[in-house]
Amino acid sequence: MPHTCQIIGWCLLILSVIAVFVKALFVHDIDVAWYIAKSTHITFIISFFLICLSKEKVEDEMISNYRLKAVGITAYVYFVLFLILSLFLELRLATLFPSIPEDLELYLSEAFLIFLPLLLFILYFGIFKWMLWKSKKQQAL
């Protein structure tokens, strides 16, 4: 995607964050809050998608190589996190600790569905930007 999609993605992300704060401060109706929460979740995913998959201002072979490496590292890290969280939920490890509330498993499974797709984009973006920063730091030396 062109670089302008990255700018659109950042704007959508800022609007989503503002919507979350507005919902927390001013919305007291549970139905309205639910619709705002679902729409901001979808907007978060779309904005991260646009940010992560759009080109940099200068896109060359080195950046394309870093993108490929970042996708591979993200896949490994995401798989390990997904496996650990799945085992935690499936084996009901939260019940082994008596101080943890019983409702925690329900909240964890809901958080699992909400935050894991976002985590995928955040991991990729963080790893990719770290690789770019590291290469620029090495080029400066």
Protein backbone atom coordinates (compact mmCIF):
# COMPACT_ATOMS: atom_id res chain seq x y z
CA MET A 1 0.00 0.00 0.00
CA PRO A 2 1.22 3.55 -0.55
CA HIS A 3 2.70 5.64 2.25
CA THR A 4 -0.47 7.76 2.50
CA CYS A 5 -2.27 4.72 3.92
CA GLN A 6 0.11 4.87 6.88
CA ILE A 7 -0.96 8.45 7.56
CA ILE A 8 -4.63 7.44 7.33
CA GLY A 9 -3.93 4.57 9.73
CA TRP A 10 -2.36 6.90 12.30
CA CYS A 11 -5.35 9.25 12.04
CA LEU A 12 -7.77 6.35 12.56
CA LEU A 13 -5.75 5.16 15.55
CA ILE A 14 -5.86 8.60 17.17
CA LEU A 15 -9.62 8.83 16.56
CA SER A 16 -10.08 5.38 18.10
CA VAL A 17 -8.16 6.34 21.22
CA ILE A 18 -10.25 9.52 21.53
CA ALA A 19 -13.44 7.44 21.13
CA VAL A 20 -12.32 5.10 23.93
CA PHE A 21 -11.74 8.05 26.28
CA VAL A 22 -15.07 9.65 25.33
CA LYS A 23 -16.83 6.35 25.96
CA ALA A 24 -15.17 5.98 29.35
CA LEU A 25 -16.01 9.51 30.43
CA PHE A 26 -19.42 10.26 28.96
CA VAL A 27 -21.27 7.08 27.92
CA HIS A 28 -23.33 5.48 30.67
CA ASP A 29 -25.72 3.35 28.58
CA ILE A 30 -24.43 -0.22 28.35
CA ASP A 31 -25.78 -0.80 24.82
CA VAL A 32 -24.17 2.34 23.45
CA ALA A 33 -20.91 1.49 25.24
CA TRP A 34 -20.94 -1.99 23.70
CA TYR A 35 -21.38 -0.62 20.17
CA ILE A 36 -18.64 1.94 20.69
CA ALA A 37 -16.32 -0.73 22.08
CA LYS A 38 -16.90 -3.04 19.12
CA SER A 39 -16.50 -0.27 16.56
CA THR A 40 -13.29 1.01 18.16
CA HIS A 41 -11.91 -2.52 18.24
CA ILE A 42 -12.53 -2.91 14.51
CA THR A 43 -11.08 0.55 13.88
CA PHE A 44 -7.97 -0.36 15.91
CA ILE A 45 -7.43 -3.44 13.76
CA ILE A 46 -7.96 -1.53 10.51
CA SER A 47 -5.64 1.28 11.61
CA PHE A 48 -2.88 -1.13 12.64
CA PHE A 49 -3.35 -2.96 9.35
CA LEU A 50 -2.89 0.28 7.41
CA ILE A 51 0.09 1.37 9.52
CA CYS A 52 1.93 -1.94 9.32
CA LEU A 53 1.35 -2.82 5.69
CA SER A 54 1.95 0.51 4.02
CA LYS A 55 5.29 1.41 2.52
CA GLU A 56 7.85 3.68 4.08
CA LYS A 57 8.66 6.97 2.38
CA VAL A 58 11.76 5.35 0.90
CA GLU A 59 11.19 1.65 0.24
CA ASP A 60 14.20 -0.32 -0.99
CA GLU A 61 15.44 -3.92 -0.93
CA MET A 62 16.91 -3.58 2.57
CA ILE A 63 13.56 -2.43 3.99
CA SER A 64 11.77 -5.23 2.14
CA ASN A 65 14.23 -7.70 3.66
CA TYR A 66 13.59 -6.26 7.13
CA ARG A 67 9.84 -6.60 6.55
CA LEU A 68 10.26 -10.27 5.70
CA LYS A 69 12.44 -10.89 8.76
CA ALA A 70 9.98 -9.01 10.99
CA VAL A 71 7.10 -11.15 9.70
CA GLY A 72 9.06 -14.32 10.51
CA ILE A 73 10.04 -13.21 14.01
CA THR A 74 6.51 -12.01 14.68
CA ALA A 75 5.11 -15.37 13.63
CA TYR A 76 7.38 -17.23 16.05
CA VAL A 77 6.73 -14.90 18.99
CA TYR A 78 2.98 -14.79 18.31
CA PHE A 79 2.78 -18.58 18.09
CA VAL A 80 4.57 -19.02 21.43
CA LEU A 81 2.33 -16.44 23.13
CA PHE A 82 -0.78 -17.97 21.58
CA LEU A 83 0.29 -21.44 22.75
CA ILE A 84 1.00 -20.28 26.30
CA LEU A 85 -2.28 -18.38 26.59
CA SER A 86 -4.25 -21.25 25.05
CA LEU A 87 -2.76 -23.73 27.48
CA PHE A 88 -3.43 -21.37 30.36
CA LEU A 89 -7.09 -21.11 29.39
CA GLU A 90 -7.66 -24.72 28.37
CA LEU A 91 -5.97 -26.32 31.36
CA ARG A 92 -7.70 -23.85 33.65
CA LEU A 93 -4.48 -22.95 35.39
CA ALA A 94 -6.17 -19.97 37.00
CA THR A 95 -8.07 -22.39 39.28
CA LEU A 96 -4.78 -23.62 40.73
CA PHE A 97 -4.34 -20.29 42.48
CA PRO A 98 -7.08 -19.79 45.11
CA SER A 99 -6.51 -16.04 45.38
CA ILE A 100 -7.53 -15.48 41.74
CA PRO A 101 -11.27 -14.84 41.23
CA GLU A 102 -13.29 -17.51 39.43
CA ASP A 103 -14.54 -15.03 36.85
CA LEU A 104 -10.99 -14.48 35.66
CA GLU A 105 -11.19 -17.25 33.04
CA LEU A 106 -14.18 -15.60 31.40
CA TYR A 107 -12.39 -12.26 31.32
CA LEU A 108 -9.19 -13.85 30.03
CA SER A 109 -10.97 -15.62 27.19
CA GLU A 110 -12.66 -12.37 26.18
CA ALA A 111 -9.36 -10.48 26.38
CA PHE A 112 -7.77 -13.31 24.40
CA LEU A 113 -10.17 -12.68 21.51
CA ILE A 114 -9.87 -8.90 21.68
CA PHE A 115 -6.17 -8.29 22.21
CA LEU A 116 -4.42 -11.07 20.30
CA PRO A 117 -5.21 -9.68 16.84
CA LEU A 118 -3.99 -6.28 17.99
CA LEU A 119 -0.89 -7.85 19.51
CA LEU A 120 -0.01 -9.37 16.15
CA PHE A 121 0.18 -5.95 14.49
CA ILE A 122 1.90 -4.30 17.45
CA LEU A 123 4.56 -7.02 17.54
CA TYR A 124 5.21 -6.73 13.83
CA PHE A 125 5.36 -2.94 13.92
CA GLY A 126 7.67 -2.92 16.94
CA ILE A 127 10.06 -5.52 15.51
CA PHE A 128 10.15 -3.84 12.09
CA LYS A 129 10.79 -0.36 13.50
CA TRP A 130 13.45 -1.76 15.86
CA MET A 131 15.24 -3.38 12.89
CA LEU A 132 15.11 -0.09 10.96
CA TRP A 133 16.41 1.84 13.97
CA LYS A 134 19.22 -0.67 14.49
CA SER A 135 20.28 -0.48 10.83
CA LYS A 136 20.27 3.34 10.86
CA LYS A 137 22.34 3.28 14.04
CA GLN A 138 24.89 0.95 12.40
CA GLN A 139 25.03 3.08 9.26
CA ALA A 140 25.74 6.17 11.35
CA LEU A 141 28.84 4.52 12.81
